């Protein structure tokens, strides 16, 4: 199996208790990143679906160790956001990831490591 980043590799070995080497060394208590914290390398951007004052909505694909998922990506224009706006956006994402309703898009995660900030939904 090929992994696109070290954190996905660590998560895979930890969750399935697969040894890291032939001698059988396993991860017992790794420090994992939050499941909603995504990395830019996990995304394949597609066609632009729409735009608004703070950014664009793009069709895309999210790559996880267990497969690929079609997602909508809200790409925020960094130049439009103040620090207070970024904090408000992350608070909104925190609330959204707890929502589970058939008429509301499910928040998959947020990429905040580098600009632009991206919110993934499916």
C-alpha atoms as a PDB file:
ATOM      1  CA  UNK A   1       0.000   0.000   0.000  1.00  0.00           C
ATOM      2  CA  UNK A   2       1.311   3.501  -0.900  1.00  0.00           C
ATOM      3  CA  UNK A   3       0.747   6.429   1.461  1.00  0.00           C
ATOM      4  CA  UNK A   4       0.885  10.090   0.440  1.00  0.00           C
ATOM      5  CA  UNK A   5       2.061  11.414   3.815  1.00  0.00           C
ATOM      6  CA  UNK A   6       3.680  10.155   7.054  1.00  0.00           C
ATOM      7  CA  UNK A   7       0.643  10.849   9.259  1.00  0.00           C
ATOM      8  CA  UNK A   8      -1.571   8.591   7.144  1.00  0.00           C
ATOM      9  CA  UNK A   9       1.060   5.852   7.364  1.00  0.00           C
ATOM     10  CA  UNK A  10       1.209   6.208  11.163  1.00  0.00           C
ATOM     11  CA  UNK A  11      -2.588   6.143  11.462  1.00  0.00           C
ATOM     12  CA  UNK A  12      -2.799   3.037   9.272  1.00  0.00           C
ATOM     13  CA  UNK A  13      -0.192   1.094  11.291  1.00  0.00           C
ATOM     14  CA  UNK A  14      -1.723   2.162  14.601  1.00  0.00           C
ATOM     15  CA  UNK A  15      -5.366   1.394  13.797  1.00  0.00           C
ATOM     16  CA  UNK A  16      -4.707  -2.014  12.242  1.00  0.00           C
ATOM     17  CA  UNK A  17      -1.833  -2.962  14.584  1.00  0.00           C
ATOM     18  CA  UNK A  18       0.392  -3.765  11.614  1.00  0.00           C
ATOM     19  CA  UNK A  19       4.082  -4.102  12.596  1.00  0.00           C
ATOM     20  CA  UNK A  20       6.414  -1.362  11.386  1.00  0.00           C
ATOM     21  CA  UNK A  21       9.305  -3.749  10.699  1.00  0.00           C
ATOM     22  CA  UNK A  22      10.025  -7.482  10.329  1.00  0.00           C
ATOM     23  CA  UNK A  23      10.905  -7.704  14.038  1.00  0.00           C
ATOM     24  CA  UNK A  24       7.292  -6.856  14.934  1.00  0.00           C
ATOM     25  CA  UNK A  25       7.617  -3.328  16.381  1.00  0.00           C
ATOM     26  CA  UNK A  26       4.146  -1.767  16.718  1.00  0.00           C
ATOM     27  CA  UNK A  27       2.851   1.673  17.629  1.00  0.00           C
ATOM     28  CA  UNK A  28       1.352   1.590  21.104  1.00  0.00           C
ATOM     29  CA  UNK A  29       0.544   5.212  21.865  1.00  0.00           C
ATOM     30  CA  UNK A  30       1.269   7.581  18.939  1.00  0.00           C
ATOM     31  CA  UNK A  31       0.220  11.215  18.937  1.00  0.00           C
ATOM     32  CA  UNK A  32      -2.160  11.445  16.005  1.00  0.00           C
ATOM     33  CA  UNK A  33      -3.422  14.619  14.411  1.00  0.00           C
ATOM     34  CA  UNK A  34      -7.112  15.295  14.700  1.00  0.00           C
ATOM     35  CA  UNK A  35      -9.182  13.430  12.107  1.00  0.00           C
ATOM     36  CA  UNK A  36     -10.645  16.714  10.853  1.00  0.00           C
ATOM     37  CA  UNK A  37      -7.204  18.284  10.325  1.00  0.00           C
ATOM     38  CA  UNK A  38      -6.370  17.584   6.698  1.00  0.00           C
ATOM     39  CA  UNK A  39      -3.262  18.209   4.626  1.00  0.00           C
ATOM     40  CA  UNK A  40      -3.070  19.839   1.202  1.00  0.00           C
ATOM     41  CA  UNK A  41      -1.449  16.680  -0.216  1.00  0.00           C
ATOM     42  CA  UNK A  42      -4.657  14.768   0.482  1.00  0.00           C
ATOM     43  CA  UNK A  43      -6.594  16.836  -2.079  1.00  0.00           C
ATOM     44  CA  UNK A  44      -7.019  16.696  -5.799  1.00  0.00           C
ATOM     45  CA  UNK A  45      -8.746  19.845  -6.994  1.00  0.00           C
ATOM     46  CA  UNK A  46     -11.240  19.670  -9.835  1.00  0.00           C
ATOM     47  CA  UNK A  47     -13.579  22.089 -11.550  1.00  0.00           C
ATOM     48  CA  UNK A  48     -14.779  25.301  -9.971  1.00  0.00           C
ATOM     49  CA  UNK A  49     -18.448  24.999  -8.990  1.00  0.00           C
ATOM     50  CA  UNK A  50     -19.109  28.531  -7.785  1.00  0.00           C
ATOM     51  CA  UNK A  51     -17.762  31.516  -5.915  1.00  0.00           C
ATOM     52  CA  UNK A  52     -18.648  34.021  -3.243  1.00  0.00           C
ATOM     53  CA  UNK A  53     -17.255  36.976  -1.360  1.00  0.00           C
ATOM     54  CA  UNK A  54     -14.797  34.944   0.715  1.00  0.00           C
ATOM     55  CA  UNK A  55     -13.772  32.245  -1.725  1.00  0.00           C
ATOM     56  CA  UNK A  56     -14.554  29.583  -4.297  1.00  0.00           C
ATOM     57  CA  UNK A  57     -16.267  26.202  -4.150  1.00  0.00           C
ATOM     58  CA  UNK A  58     -14.395  23.521  -6.060  1.00  0.00           C
ATOM     59  CA  UNK A  59     -15.220  19.902  -6.833  1.00  0.00           C
ATOM     60  CA  UNK A  60     -12.475  17.624  -5.645  1.00  0.00           C
ATOM     61  CA  UNK A  61     -11.284  14.341  -4.310  1.00  0.00           C
ATOM     62  CA  UNK A  62     -10.056  13.638  -0.784  1.00  0.00           C
ATOM     63  CA  UNK A  63      -7.465  10.897  -0.463  1.00  0.00           C
ATOM     64  CA  UNK A  64      -7.511   8.905   2.773  1.00  0.00           C
ATOM     65  CA  UNK A  65      -5.818   5.631   3.620  1.00  0.00           C
ATOM     66  CA  UNK A  66      -9.133   3.798   3.203  1.00  0.00           C
ATOM     67  CA  UNK A  67     -10.015   5.279  -0.179  1.00  0.00           C
ATOM     68  CA  UNK A  68     -10.934   8.314  -2.244  1.00  0.00           C
ATOM     69  CA  UNK A  69     -13.957  10.486  -1.562  1.00  0.00           C
ATOM     70  CA  UNK A  70     -15.694  13.008  -3.816  1.00  0.00           C
ATOM     71  CA  UNK A  71     -15.953  16.274  -1.902  1.00  0.00           C
ATOM     72  CA  UNK A  72     -16.855  19.923  -2.295  1.00  0.00           C
ATOM     73  CA  UNK A  73     -13.997  22.182  -1.239  1.00  0.00           C
ATOM     74  CA  UNK A  74     -14.556  25.709   0.011  1.00  0.00           C
ATOM     75  CA  UNK A  75     -11.290  27.512  -0.765  1.00  0.00           C
ATOM     76  CA  UNK A  76     -11.042  30.696   1.283  1.00  0.00           C
ATOM     77  CA  UNK A  77      -9.272  33.747  -0.144  1.00  0.00           C
ATOM     78  CA  UNK A  78      -6.614  34.456   2.482  1.00  0.00           C
ATOM     79  CA  UNK A  79      -6.461  38.118   1.543  1.00  0.00           C
ATOM     80  CA  UNK A  80     -10.135  38.533   2.505  1.00  0.00           C
ATOM     81  CA  UNK A  81      -9.734  37.180   6.039  1.00  0.00           C
ATOM     82  CA  UNK A  82      -8.520  38.953   9.122  1.00  0.00           C
ATOM     83  CA  UNK A  83      -7.209  36.914  12.061  1.00  0.00           C
ATOM     84  CA  UNK A  84     -10.575  37.364  13.792  1.00  0.00           C
ATOM     85  CA  UNK A  85     -12.330  36.075  10.670  1.00  0.00           C
ATOM     86  CA  UNK A  86     -10.069  33.020  10.556  1.00  0.00           C
ATOM     87  CA  UNK A  87     -10.874  32.252  14.203  1.00  0.00           C
ATOM     88  CA  UNK A  88     -14.604  32.632  13.496  1.00  0.00           C
ATOM     89  CA  UNK A  89     -14.267  30.316  10.485  1.00  0.00           C
ATOM     90  CA  UNK A  90     -12.556  27.628  12.583  1.00  0.00           C
ATOM     91  CA  UNK A  91     -15.250  27.945  15.263  1.00  0.00           C
ATOM     92  CA  UNK A  92     -17.905  27.464  12.591  1.00  0.00           C
ATOM     93  CA  UNK A  93     -16.050  24.396  11.280  1.00  0.00           C
ATOM     94  CA  UNK A  94     -15.851  22.994  14.821  1.00  0.00           C
ATOM     95  CA  UNK A  95     -19.633  23.243  15.123  1.00  0.00           C
ATOM     96  CA  UNK A  96     -20.271  21.964  11.586  1.00  0.00           C
ATOM     97  CA  UNK A  97     -18.258  18.797  12.084  1.00  0.00           C
ATOM     98  CA  UNK A  98     -20.696  17.764  14.822  1.00  0.00           C
ATOM     99  CA  UNK A  99     -23.763  18.163  12.600  1.00  0.00           C
ATOM    100  CA  UNK A 100     -25.299  15.070  11.053  1.00  0.00           C
ATOM    101  CA  UNK A 101     -28.482  15.728   9.076  1.00  0.00           C
ATOM    102  CA  UNK A 102     -29.612  14.611   5.598  1.00  0.00           C
ATOM    103  CA  UNK A 103     -30.221  18.242   4.505  1.00  0.00           C
ATOM    104  CA  UNK A 104     -26.891  19.635   5.713  1.00  0.00           C
ATOM    105  CA  UNK A 105     -23.528  18.984   4.056  1.00  0.00           C
ATOM    106  CA  UNK A 106     -21.293  16.930   6.321  1.00  0.00           C
ATOM    107  CA  UNK A 107     -18.020  18.628   7.151  1.00  0.00           C
ATOM    108  CA  UNK A 108     -15.153  16.270   6.430  1.00  0.00           C
ATOM    109  CA  UNK A 109     -12.262  18.421   7.575  1.00  0.00           C
ATOM    110  CA  UNK A 110     -10.272  21.615   7.374  1.00  0.00           C
ATOM    111  CA  UNK A 111      -6.845  22.309   5.890  1.00  0.00           C
ATOM    112  CA  UNK A 112      -5.278  25.158   7.844  1.00  0.00           C
ATOM    113  CA  UNK A 113      -1.548  24.392   7.594  1.00  0.00           C
ATOM    114  CA  UNK A 114      -0.972  26.647   4.585  1.00  0.00           C
ATOM    115  CA  UNK A 115      -2.945  29.236   2.649  1.00  0.00           C
ATOM    116  CA  UNK A 116      -5.490  29.047   1.238  1.00  0.00           C
ATOM    117  CA  UNK A 117      -7.595  27.624   4.051  1.00  0.00           C
ATOM    118  CA  UNK A 118      -9.844  24.861   2.720  1.00  0.00           C
ATOM    119  CA  UNK A 119     -12.994  23.310   4.155  1.00  0.00           C
ATOM    120  CA  UNK A 120     -14.001  19.901   2.808  1.00  0.00           C
ATOM    121  CA  UNK A 121     -17.612  18.678   2.768  1.00  0.00           C
ATOM    122  CA  UNK A 122     -19.411  15.738   1.292  1.00  0.00           C
END
